[in-house]
Amino acid sequence: MSQTLLHAGPEQKIAPEAPELIVSNQPPIDAYPEEFLGWSLNIGIRDYGKTLELQRSLIPLRRRGLLRDTLIFVEHPPVVTMGKSTEPSNLSDVPSNIPRFEIERGGDVTFHGPGQLVCYLIFDLNRRGRDLHLFMRSLEEGIIRTLAEYGVEAIRVPDLTGVWVETKNGNRKIASIGVAAKTWVSYHGVAVNLSTDFSIFKTMKPCGLEPNVMTSLEKLTGARISLDEFAEKLTRSYSGVFKTEFCPVTLAEIGEDFKSDDLSGHV
């Protein structure tokens, strides 16, 4: 198992129309019967490449027990990422000045940029049932619960990973999910559109879907919500979903723990 690489993410098929919204099963109440302690790290605006390096560097530390299950919140400058199932035609019109990264997560092409909150999850799934699909449904559930705090009723769509809402103009996708795992330690994660500029989305088929399928919290509510505020609420939602108390930490504090191998100061 030491070299196992798993990946999962959005379906890559093109949908001429947004699919019908159907209520699917929620994660079982006792999906994660144990209670854990974790960390929450907000690194603000950060280059995608450096953040990807950070995730990869944390995987072996989590595997060795030198890191707790960690949420990493970040906002990226404009960037396009291509998952394992990316169809080249889905990004043929993307401007050449937008950086592109081929990465390990499942799914197709997507865009990250200002106004979008990204949350990467470095979790040890060995102690959470080694169930990648349950993990993704749980990621969706946390976003659904958080959006409800803003009066937005969000839902899953069968066979399409992510979080959707129903609007007067049809069904729209507000959050994308794509994860990977090495030796059952997860990385990559979720992207929630808060006040995202969709001009780049219009030059691609995000997750293999038509670009007009995407929406944002600002479009739905008329309010511009700060990324920090939404991150705090999402952290609380994930605390409930994963039965984990996430304590805020900084990169400097994590660095000190790497040096000392002593995690006792953050619980």
C-alpha atoms as a PDB file:
ATOM      1  CA  MET A   1       0.000   0.000   0.000  1.00  0.00           C
ATOM      2  CA  SER A   2       2.927   2.375   0.388  1.00  0.00           C
ATOM      3  CA  GLN A   3       2.646   3.597  -3.207  1.00  0.00           C
ATOM      4  CA  THR A   4      -1.120   3.636  -3.514  1.00  0.00           C
ATOM      5  CA  LEU A   5      -2.502   6.703  -5.289  1.00  0.00           C
ATOM      6  CA  LEU A   6      -6.265   7.102  -5.416  1.00  0.00           C
ATOM      7  CA  HIS A   7      -8.139   9.933  -7.012  1.00  0.00           C
ATOM      8  CA  ALA A   8     -11.729  10.998  -7.339  1.00  0.00           C
ATOM      9  CA  GLY A   9     -13.560  14.034  -8.555  1.00  0.00           C
ATOM     10  CA  PRO A  10     -16.262  15.448 -10.775  1.00  0.00           C
ATOM     11  CA  GLU A  11     -17.656  13.519 -13.696  1.00  0.00           C
ATOM     12  CA  GLN A  12     -16.017  14.525 -16.947  1.00  0.00           C
ATOM     13  CA  LYS A  13     -19.045  14.138 -19.202  1.00  0.00           C
ATOM     14  CA  ILE A  14     -20.509  17.224 -20.844  1.00  0.00           C
ATOM     15  CA  ALA A  15     -24.035  18.118 -19.769  1.00  0.00           C
ATOM     16  CA  PRO A  16     -25.985  20.126 -22.370  1.00  0.00           C
ATOM     17  CA  GLU A  17     -28.357  21.103 -19.573  1.00  0.00           C
ATOM     18  CA  ALA A  18     -27.812  21.132 -15.845  1.00  0.00           C
ATOM     19  CA  PRO A  19     -29.146  17.857 -14.421  1.00  0.00           C
ATOM     20  CA  GLU A  20     -32.209  17.552 -12.272  1.00  0.00           C
ATOM     21  CA  LEU A  21     -31.577  18.100  -8.584  1.00  0.00           C
ATOM     22  CA  ILE A  22     -32.472  15.098  -6.497  1.00  0.00           C
ATOM     23  CA  VAL A  23     -32.037  14.681  -2.755  1.00  0.00           C
ATOM     24  CA  SER A  24     -29.502  11.919  -2.173  1.00  0.00           C
ATOM     25  CA  ASN A  25     -28.666  10.094   1.042  1.00  0.00           C
ATOM     26  CA  GLN A  26     -26.849  12.122   3.677  1.00  0.00           C
ATOM     27  CA  PRO A  27     -23.680  10.701   5.231  1.00  0.00           C
ATOM     28  CA  PRO A  28     -24.705   8.308   8.012  1.00  0.00           C
ATOM     29  CA  ILE A  29     -24.926  10.000  11.403  1.00  0.00           C
ATOM     30  CA  ASP A  30     -22.288   7.619  12.775  1.00  0.00           C
ATOM     31  CA  ALA A  31     -20.112   7.593   9.657  1.00  0.00           C
ATOM     32  CA  TYR A  32     -17.197   8.694  11.837  1.00  0.00           C
ATOM     33  CA  PRO A  33     -17.931   7.206  15.286  1.00  0.00           C
ATOM     34  CA  GLU A  34     -14.723   8.442  16.917  1.00  0.00           C
ATOM     35  CA  GLU A  35     -13.971  12.028  17.896  1.00  0.00           C
ATOM     36  CA  PHE A  36     -10.682  13.598  16.853  1.00  0.00           C
ATOM     37  CA  LEU A  37      -8.585  16.741  17.185  1.00  0.00           C
ATOM     38  CA  GLY A  38      -7.444  18.556  14.063  1.00  0.00           C
ATOM     39  CA  TRP A  39      -5.956  21.797  12.787  1.00  0.00           C
ATOM     40  CA  SER A  40      -7.296  24.663  10.680  1.00  0.00           C
ATOM     41  CA  LEU A  41      -4.764  26.700   8.710  1.00  0.00           C
ATOM     42  CA  ASN A  42      -5.695  29.879   6.797  1.00  0.00           C
ATOM     43  CA  ILE A  43      -2.845  30.993   4.540  1.00  0.00           C
ATOM     44  CA  GLY A  44      -4.680  33.819   2.737  1.00  0.00           C
ATOM     45  CA  ILE A  45      -3.791  34.578  -0.892  1.00  0.00           C
ATOM     46  CA  ARG A  46      -1.165  32.119  -2.071  1.00  0.00           C
ATOM     47  CA  ASP A  47       0.314  30.950  -5.377  1.00  0.00           C
ATOM     48  CA  TYR A  48      -1.151  27.638  -6.521  1.00  0.00           C
ATOM     49  CA  GLY A  49       2.200  25.989  -7.212  1.00  0.00           C
ATOM     50  CA  LYS A  50       3.560  26.769  -3.757  1.00  0.00           C
ATOM     51  CA  THR A  51       0.358  25.560  -2.135  1.00  0.00           C
ATOM     52  CA  LEU A  52       0.541  22.326  -4.094  1.00  0.00           C
ATOM     53  CA  GLU A  53       4.106  21.833  -2.853  1.00  0.00           C
ATOM     54  CA  LEU A  54       2.900  22.487   0.689  1.00  0.00           C
ATOM     55  CA  GLN A  55       0.210  19.804   0.397  1.00  0.00           C
ATOM     56  CA  ARG A  56       2.638  17.249  -0.980  1.00  0.00           C
ATOM     57  CA  SER A  57       5.151  18.003   1.778  1.00  0.00           C
ATOM     58  CA  LEU A  58       2.518  17.452   4.476  1.00  0.00           C
ATOM     59  CA  ILE A  59       1.435  13.994   3.289  1.00  0.00           C
ATOM     60  CA  PRO A  60       4.408  12.064   4.725  1.00  0.00           C
ATOM     61  CA  LEU A  61       4.217  14.098   7.921  1.00  0.00           C
ATOM     62  CA  ARG A  62       0.558  13.171   8.363  1.00  0.00           C
ATOM     63  CA  ARG A  63       1.384   9.548   7.635  1.00  0.00           C
ATOM     64  CA  ARG A  64       4.069   9.605  10.364  1.00  0.00           C
ATOM     65  CA  GLY A  65       1.726  11.226  12.869  1.00  0.00           C
ATOM     66  CA  LEU A  66       3.607  14.558  12.926  1.00  0.00           C
ATOM     67  CA  LEU A  67       0.537  16.409  11.673  1.00  0.00           C
ATOM     68  CA  ARG A  68      -3.106  16.314  12.680  1.00  0.00           C
ATOM     69  CA  ASP A  69      -5.953  16.131  10.160  1.00  0.00           C
ATOM     70  CA  THR A  70      -5.689  19.622   8.683  1.00  0.00           C
ATOM     71  CA  LEU A  71      -7.922  22.031   6.774  1.00  0.00           C
ATOM     72  CA  ILE A  72      -5.934  24.476   4.628  1.00  0.00           C
ATOM     73  CA  PHE A  73      -7.891  27.547   3.495  1.00  0.00           C
ATOM     74  CA  VAL A  74      -6.517  29.634   0.635  1.00  0.00           C
ATOM     75  CA  GLU A  75      -7.435  32.025  -2.161  1.00  0.00           C
ATOM     76  CA  HIS A  76      -5.443  31.640  -5.387  1.00  0.00           C
ATOM     77  CA  PRO A  77      -4.511  34.113  -8.099  1.00  0.00           C
ATOM     78  CA  PRO A  78      -6.039  32.994 -11.439  1.00  0.00           C
ATOM     79  CA  VAL A  79      -4.994  29.438 -12.307  1.00  0.00           C
ATOM     80  CA  VAL A  80      -6.351  26.456 -14.243  1.00  0.00           C
ATOM     81  CA  THR A  81      -5.953  22.937 -12.862  1.00  0.00           C
ATOM     82  CA  MET A  82      -6.366  19.743 -14.863  1.00  0.00           C
ATOM     83  CA  GLY A  83      -7.382  16.512 -13.163  1.00  0.00           C
ATOM     84  CA  LYS A  84      -6.874  12.930 -14.289  1.00  0.00           C
ATOM     85  CA  SER A  85      -9.921  12.984 -16.587  1.00  0.00           C
ATOM     86  CA  THR A  86      -9.300  16.306 -18.336  1.00  0.00           C
ATOM     87  CA  GLU A  87     -10.376  16.507 -21.972  1.00  0.00           C
ATOM     88  CA  PRO A  88      -8.052  18.931 -23.838  1.00  0.00           C
ATOM     89  CA  SER A  89     -10.998  20.381 -25.760  1.00  0.00           C
ATOM     90  CA  ASN A  90     -12.520  21.550 -22.477  1.00  0.00           C
ATOM     91  CA  LEU A  91      -9.853  24.251 -22.061  1.00  0.00           C
ATOM     92  CA  SER A  92      -8.904  25.048 -25.655  1.00  0.00           C
ATOM     93  CA  ASP A  93     -10.149  28.662 -25.336  1.00  0.00           C
ATOM     94  CA  VAL A  94      -8.503  29.466 -22.000  1.00  0.00           C
ATOM     95  CA  PRO A  95      -6.163  32.488 -22.344  1.00  0.00           C
ATOM     96  CA  SER A  96      -2.525  31.436 -22.654  1.00  0.00           C
ATOM     97  CA  ASN A  97      -1.423  33.783 -19.843  1.00  0.00           C
ATOM     98  CA  ILE A  98      -3.367  31.804 -17.226  1.00  0.00           C
ATOM     99  CA  PRO A  99      -1.037  29.290 -15.487  1.00  0.00           C
ATOM    100  CA  ARG A 100      -1.980  25.617 -15.895  1.00  0.00           C
ATOM    101  CA  PHE A 101      -1.195  22.670 -13.658  1.00  0.00           C
ATOM    102  CA  GLU A 102      -1.692  18.978 -14.326  1.00  0.00           C
ATOM    103  CA  ILE A 103      -2.453  17.451 -10.943  1.00  0.00           C
ATOM    104  CA  GLU A 104      -3.293  14.170  -9.230  1.00  0.00           C
ATOM    105  CA  ARG A 105      -6.924  14.762  -8.276  1.00  0.00           C
ATOM    106  CA  GLY A 106      -9.814  13.161 -10.116  1.00  0.00           C
ATOM    107  CA  GLY A 107     -12.098  14.995 -12.488  1.00  0.00           C
ATOM    108  CA  ASP A 108     -11.670  17.421 -15.367  1.00  0.00           C
ATOM    109  CA  VAL A 109     -10.463  21.000 -15.746  1.00  0.00           C
ATOM    110  CA  THR A 110     -11.429  23.787 -13.351  1.00  0.00           C
ATOM    111  CA  PHE A 111     -10.481  27.355 -12.475  1.00  0.00           C
ATOM    112  CA  HIS A 112      -9.340  28.918  -9.209  1.00  0.00           C
ATOM    113  CA  GLY A 113      -9.165  32.660  -8.669  1.00  0.00           C
ATOM    114  CA  PRO A 114     -10.088  35.676  -6.542  1.00  0.00           C
ATOM    115  CA  GLY A 115     -13.402  35.408  -4.725  1.00  0.00           C
ATOM    116  CA  GLN A 116     -13.236  31.624  -4.530  1.00  0.00           C
ATOM    117  CA  LEU A 117     -12.490  29.871  -1.250  1.00  0.00           C
ATOM    118  CA  VAL A 118     -10.399  26.736  -1.628  1.00  0.00           C
ATOM    119  CA  CYS A 119     -10.051  24.232   1.190  1.00  0.00           C
ATOM    120  CA  TYR A 120      -7.436  21.480   0.985  1.00  0.00           C
ATOM    121  CA  LEU A 121      -7.753  18.557   3.375  1.00  0.00           C
ATOM    122  CA  ILE A 122      -4.757  16.595   4.620  1.00  0.00           C
ATOM    123  CA  PHE A 123      -6.613  13.773   6.380  1.00  0.00           C
ATOM    124  CA  ASP A 124      -5.572  10.301   7.476  1.00  0.00           C
ATOM    125  CA  LEU A 125      -8.351   8.179   5.989  1.00  0.00           C
ATOM    126  CA  ASN A 126      -6.907   5.021   7.538  1.00  0.00           C
ATOM    127  CA  ARG A 127      -8.798   5.904  10.700  1.00  0.00           C
ATOM    128  CA  ARG A 128     -11.888   7.094   8.825  1.00  0.00           C
ATOM    129  CA  GLY A 129     -12.800   3.849   7.113  1.00  0.00           C
ATOM    130  CA  ARG A 130     -10.676   4.114   3.955  1.00  0.00           C
ATOM    131  CA  ASP A 131     -13.831   5.164   2.083  1.00  0.00           C
ATOM    132  CA  LEU A 132     -13.038   7.844  -0.491  1.00  0.00           C
ATOM    133  CA  HIS A 133     -16.636   8.153  -1.665  1.00  0.00           C
ATOM    134  CA  LEU A 134     -17.927   8.667   1.877  1.00  0.00           C
ATOM    135  CA  PHE A 135     -15.176  11.238   2.331  1.00  0.00           C
ATOM    136  CA  MET A 136     -16.360  13.201  -0.715  1.00  0.00           C
ATOM    137  CA  ARG A 137     -20.010  13.004   0.347  1.00  0.00           C
ATOM    138  CA  SER A 138     -18.889  14.373   3.720  1.00  0.00           C
ATOM    139  CA  LEU A 139     -17.056  17.244   2.008  1.00  0.00           C
ATOM    140  CA  GLU A 140     -20.277  18.080   0.169  1.00  0.00           C
ATOM    141  CA  GLU A 141     -22.273  17.851   3.399  1.00  0.00           C
ATOM    142  CA  GLY A 142     -20.087  20.438   5.141  1.00  0.00           C
ATOM    143  CA  ILE A 143     -20.603  22.917   2.297  1.00  0.00           C
ATOM    144  CA  ILE A 144     -24.358  22.248   2.215  1.00  0.00           C
ATOM    145  CA  ARG A 145     -24.628  22.959   5.955  1.00  0.00           C
ATOM    146  CA  THR A 146     -22.595  26.154   5.642  1.00  0.00           C
ATOM    147  CA  LEU A 147     -24.613  27.514   2.712  1.00  0.00           C
ATOM    148  CA  ALA A 148     -27.777  26.918   4.751  1.00  0.00           C
ATOM    149  CA  GLU A 149     -26.506  29.513   7.227  1.00  0.00           C
ATOM    150  CA  TYR A 150     -26.850  32.070   4.408  1.00  0.00           C
ATOM    151  CA  GLY A 151     -30.349  30.936   3.502  1.00  0.00           C
ATOM    152  CA  VAL A 152     -29.176  28.940   0.480  1.00  0.00           C
ATOM    153  CA  GLU A 153     -30.662  25.464   0.087  1.00  0.00           C
ATOM    154  CA  ALA A 154     -27.976  23.399  -1.597  1.00  0.00           C
ATOM    155  CA  ILE A 155     -28.071  19.785  -2.637  1.00  0.00           C
ATOM    156  CA  ARG A 156     -26.189  16.940  -4.322  1.00  0.00           C
ATOM    157  CA  VAL A 157     -26.797  15.734  -7.864  1.00  0.00           C
ATOM    158  CA  PRO A 158     -26.607  11.960  -8.426  1.00  0.00           C
ATOM    159  CA  ASP A 159     -23.569  10.920 -10.484  1.00  0.00           C
ATOM    160  CA  LEU A 160     -22.059  14.442 -10.410  1.00  0.00           C
ATOM    161  CA  THR A 161     -19.647  15.311  -7.608  1.00  0.00           C
ATOM    162  CA  GLY A 162     -20.046  18.783  -6.103  1.00  0.00           C
ATOM    163  CA  VAL A 163     -22.682  21.024  -4.549  1.00  0.00           C
ATOM    164  CA  TRP A 164     -25.611  22.458  -6.516  1.00  0.00           C
ATOM    165  CA  VAL A 165     -28.517  24.867  -6.051  1.00  0.00           C
ATOM    166  CA  GLU A 166     -31.756  25.416  -7.913  1.00  0.00           C
ATOM    167  CA  THR A 167     -32.373  28.917  -9.319  1.00  0.00           C
ATOM    168  CA  LYS A 168     -35.070  30.509 -11.460  1.00  0.00           C
ATOM    169  CA  ASN A 169     -32.695  30.160 -14.415  1.00  0.00           C
ATOM    170  CA  GLY A 170     -32.098  26.464 -13.858  1.00  0.00           C
ATOM    171  CA  ASN A 171     -29.814  24.332 -11.758  1.00  0.00           C
ATOM    172  CA  ARG A 172     -26.395  25.753 -10.941  1.00  0.00           C
ATOM    173  CA  LYS A 173     -23.162  24.465  -9.386  1.00  0.00           C
ATOM    174  CA  ILE A 174     -21.652  26.476  -6.536  1.00  0.00           C
ATOM    175  CA  ALA A 175     -18.851  24.187  -5.311  1.00  0.00           C
ATOM    176  CA  SER A 176     -16.480  21.724  -6.965  1.00  0.00           C
ATOM    177  CA  ILE A 177     -14.708  18.802  -5.321  1.00  0.00           C
ATOM    178  CA  GLY A 178     -11.689  16.793  -6.397  1.00  0.00           C
ATOM    179  CA  VAL A 179      -9.456  14.749  -4.116  1.00  0.00           C
ATOM    180  CA  ALA A 180      -6.567  12.333  -4.228  1.00  0.00           C
ATOM    181  CA  ALA A 181      -4.965  10.083  -1.610  1.00  0.00           C
ATOM    182  CA  LYS A 182      -1.521   8.568  -1.087  1.00  0.00           C
ATOM    183  CA  THR A 183      -1.325   5.680   1.384  1.00  0.00           C
ATOM    184  CA  TRP A 184      -4.822   6.800   2.409  1.00  0.00           C
ATOM    185  CA  VAL A 185      -3.734  10.331   3.272  1.00  0.00           C
ATOM    186  CA  SER A 186      -5.943  12.774   1.374  1.00  0.00           C
ATOM    187  CA  TYR A 187      -4.970  15.982  -0.386  1.00  0.00           C
ATOM    188  CA  HIS A 188      -6.586  18.464  -2.796  1.00  0.00           C
ATOM    189  CA  GLY A 189     -10.154  19.291  -1.766  1.00  0.00           C
ATOM    190  CA  VAL A 190     -13.023  21.718  -2.417  1.00  0.00           C
ATOM    191  CA  ALA A 191     -13.569  25.095  -4.083  1.00  0.00           C
ATOM    192  CA  VAL A 192     -16.585  27.256  -3.185  1.00  0.00           C
ATOM    193  CA  ASN A 193     -17.553  30.208  -5.366  1.00  0.00           C
ATOM    194  CA  LEU A 194     -18.270  33.159  -3.094  1.00  0.00           C
ATOM    195  CA  SER A 195     -17.774  36.217  -5.339  1.00  0.00           C
ATOM    196  CA  THR A 196     -15.929  34.573  -8.214  1.00  0.00           C
ATOM    197  CA  ASP A 197     -15.340  36.328 -11.551  1.00  0.00           C
ATOM    198  CA  PHE A 198     -16.718  33.874 -14.121  1.00  0.00           C
ATOM    199  CA  SER A 199     -15.036  35.391 -17.195  1.00  0.00           C
ATOM    200  CA  ILE A 200     -12.375  32.637 -17.257  1.00  0.00           C
ATOM    201  CA  PHE A 201     -14.962  29.941 -16.592  1.00  0.00           C
ATOM    202  CA  LYS A 202     -16.667  31.072 -19.809  1.00  0.00           C
ATOM    203  CA  THR A 203     -13.577  30.051 -21.793  1.00  0.00           C
ATOM    204  CA  MET A 204     -13.717  26.414 -20.615  1.00  0.00           C
ATOM    205  CA  LYS A 205     -16.052  23.581 -19.768  1.00  0.00           C
ATOM    206  CA  PRO A 206     -15.454  23.339 -16.015  1.00  0.00           C
ATOM    207  CA  CYS A 207     -15.667  19.771 -14.796  1.00  0.00           C
ATOM    208  CA  GLY A 208     -16.764  18.922 -18.349  1.00  0.00           C
ATOM    209  CA  LEU A 209     -19.950  20.982 -17.933  1.00  0.00           C
ATOM    210  CA  GLU A 210     -21.233  24.039 -19.770  1.00  0.00           C
ATOM    211  CA  PRO A 211     -19.798  27.255 -18.250  1.00  0.00           C
ATOM    212  CA  ASN A 212     -23.182  28.817 -17.484  1.00  0.00           C
ATOM    213  CA  VAL A 213     -23.784  26.021 -14.972  1.00  0.00           C
ATOM    214  CA  MET A 214     -21.525  27.764 -12.430  1.00  0.00           C
ATOM    215  CA  THR A 215     -22.828  30.214  -9.832  1.00  0.00           C
ATOM    216  CA  SER A 216     -21.632  31.964  -6.662  1.00  0.00           C
ATOM    217  CA  LEU A 217     -22.947  32.859  -3.236  1.00  0.00           C
ATOM    218  CA  GLU A 218     -22.925  36.531  -4.223  1.00  0.00           C
ATOM    219  CA  LYS A 219     -25.071  35.819  -7.275  1.00  0.00           C
ATOM    220  CA  LEU A 220     -27.543  33.881  -5.169  1.00  0.00           C
ATOM    221  CA  THR A 221     -27.813  36.276  -2.222  1.00  0.00           C
ATOM    222  CA  GLY A 222     -26.619  39.647  -3.521  1.00  0.00           C
ATOM    223  CA  ALA A 223     -24.187  39.815  -0.610  1.00  0.00           C
ATOM    224  CA  ARG A 224     -20.392  39.732  -0.789  1.00  0.00           C
ATOM    225  CA  ILE A 225     -19.243  37.379   1.954  1.00  0.00           C
ATOM    226  CA  SER A 226     -15.620  37.486   3.060  1.00  0.00           C
ATOM    227  CA  LEU A 227     -13.582  34.353   2.536  1.00  0.00           C
ATOM    228  CA  ASP A 228     -12.442  34.415   6.160  1.00  0.00           C
ATOM    229  CA  GLU A 229     -16.037  34.481   7.412  1.00  0.00           C
ATOM    230  CA  PHE A 230     -17.088  31.582   5.207  1.00  0.00           C
ATOM    231  CA  ALA A 231     -13.946  29.634   6.163  1.00  0.00           C
ATOM    232  CA  GLU A 232     -14.812  29.953   9.859  1.00  0.00           C
ATOM    233  CA  LYS A 233     -18.354  28.704   9.268  1.00  0.00           C
ATOM    234  CA  LEU A 234     -17.149  25.879   7.023  1.00  0.00           C
ATOM    235  CA  THR A 235     -14.661  24.828   9.697  1.00  0.00           C
ATOM    236  CA  ARG A 236     -17.519  24.530  12.191  1.00  0.00           C
ATOM    237  CA  SER A 237     -19.560  22.516   9.698  1.00  0.00           C
ATOM    238  CA  TYR A 238     -16.670  20.138   9.062  1.00  0.00           C
ATOM    239  CA  SER A 239     -16.177  19.813  12.815  1.00  0.00           C
ATOM    240  CA  GLY A 240     -19.694  18.409  13.008  1.00  0.00           C
ATOM    241  CA  VAL A 241     -19.451  16.231   9.913  1.00  0.00           C
ATOM    242  CA  PHE A 242     -16.061  14.715  10.774  1.00  0.00           C
ATOM    243  CA  LYS A 243     -16.507  14.794  14.564  1.00  0.00           C
ATOM    244  CA  THR A 244     -13.243  16.703  14.797  1.00  0.00           C
ATOM    245  CA  GLU A 245     -12.370  19.827  16.768  1.00  0.00           C
ATOM    246  CA  PHE A 246     -10.239  21.923  14.420  1.00  0.00           C
ATOM    247  CA  CYS A 247      -7.905  24.259  16.316  1.00  0.00           C
ATOM    248  CA  PRO A 248      -6.482  27.257  14.402  1.00  0.00           C
ATOM    249  CA  VAL A 249      -2.743  27.148  13.766  1.00  0.00           C
ATOM    250  CA  THR A 250      -0.201  29.083  11.722  1.00  0.00           C
ATOM    251  CA  LEU A 251       2.507  27.855   9.381  1.00  0.00           C
ATOM    252  CA  ALA A 252       5.084  28.984  11.955  1.00  0.00           C
ATOM    253  CA  GLU A 253       3.450  26.883  14.676  1.00  0.00           C
ATOM    254  CA  ILE A 254       3.291  23.833  12.436  1.00  0.00           C
ATOM    255  CA  GLY A 255       6.963  24.348  11.585  1.00  0.00           C
ATOM    256  CA  GLU A 256       7.863  24.324  15.252  1.00  0.00           C
ATOM    257  CA  ASP A 257       6.023  21.043  15.700  1.00  0.00           C
ATOM    258  CA  PHE A 258       7.899  19.520  12.786  1.00  0.00           C
ATOM    259  CA  LYS A 259      11.143  20.385  14.583  1.00  0.00           C
ATOM    260  CA  SER A 260      10.089  19.146  18.005  1.00  0.00           C
ATOM    261  CA  ASP A 261       7.825  16.203  17.085  1.00  0.00           C
ATOM    262  CA  ASP A 262       5.682  17.451  19.972  1.00  0.00           C
ATOM    263  CA  LEU A 263       2.022  18.056  19.080  1.00  0.00           C
ATOM    264  CA  SER A 264       0.826  18.708  22.610  1.00  0.00           C
ATOM    265  CA  GLY A 265       0.803  22.485  22.301  1.00  0.00           C
ATOM    266  CA  HIS A 266      -2.065  22.651  19.798  1.00  0.00           C
ATOM    267  CA  VAL A 267      -4.844  20.528  21.322  1.00  0.00           C
END
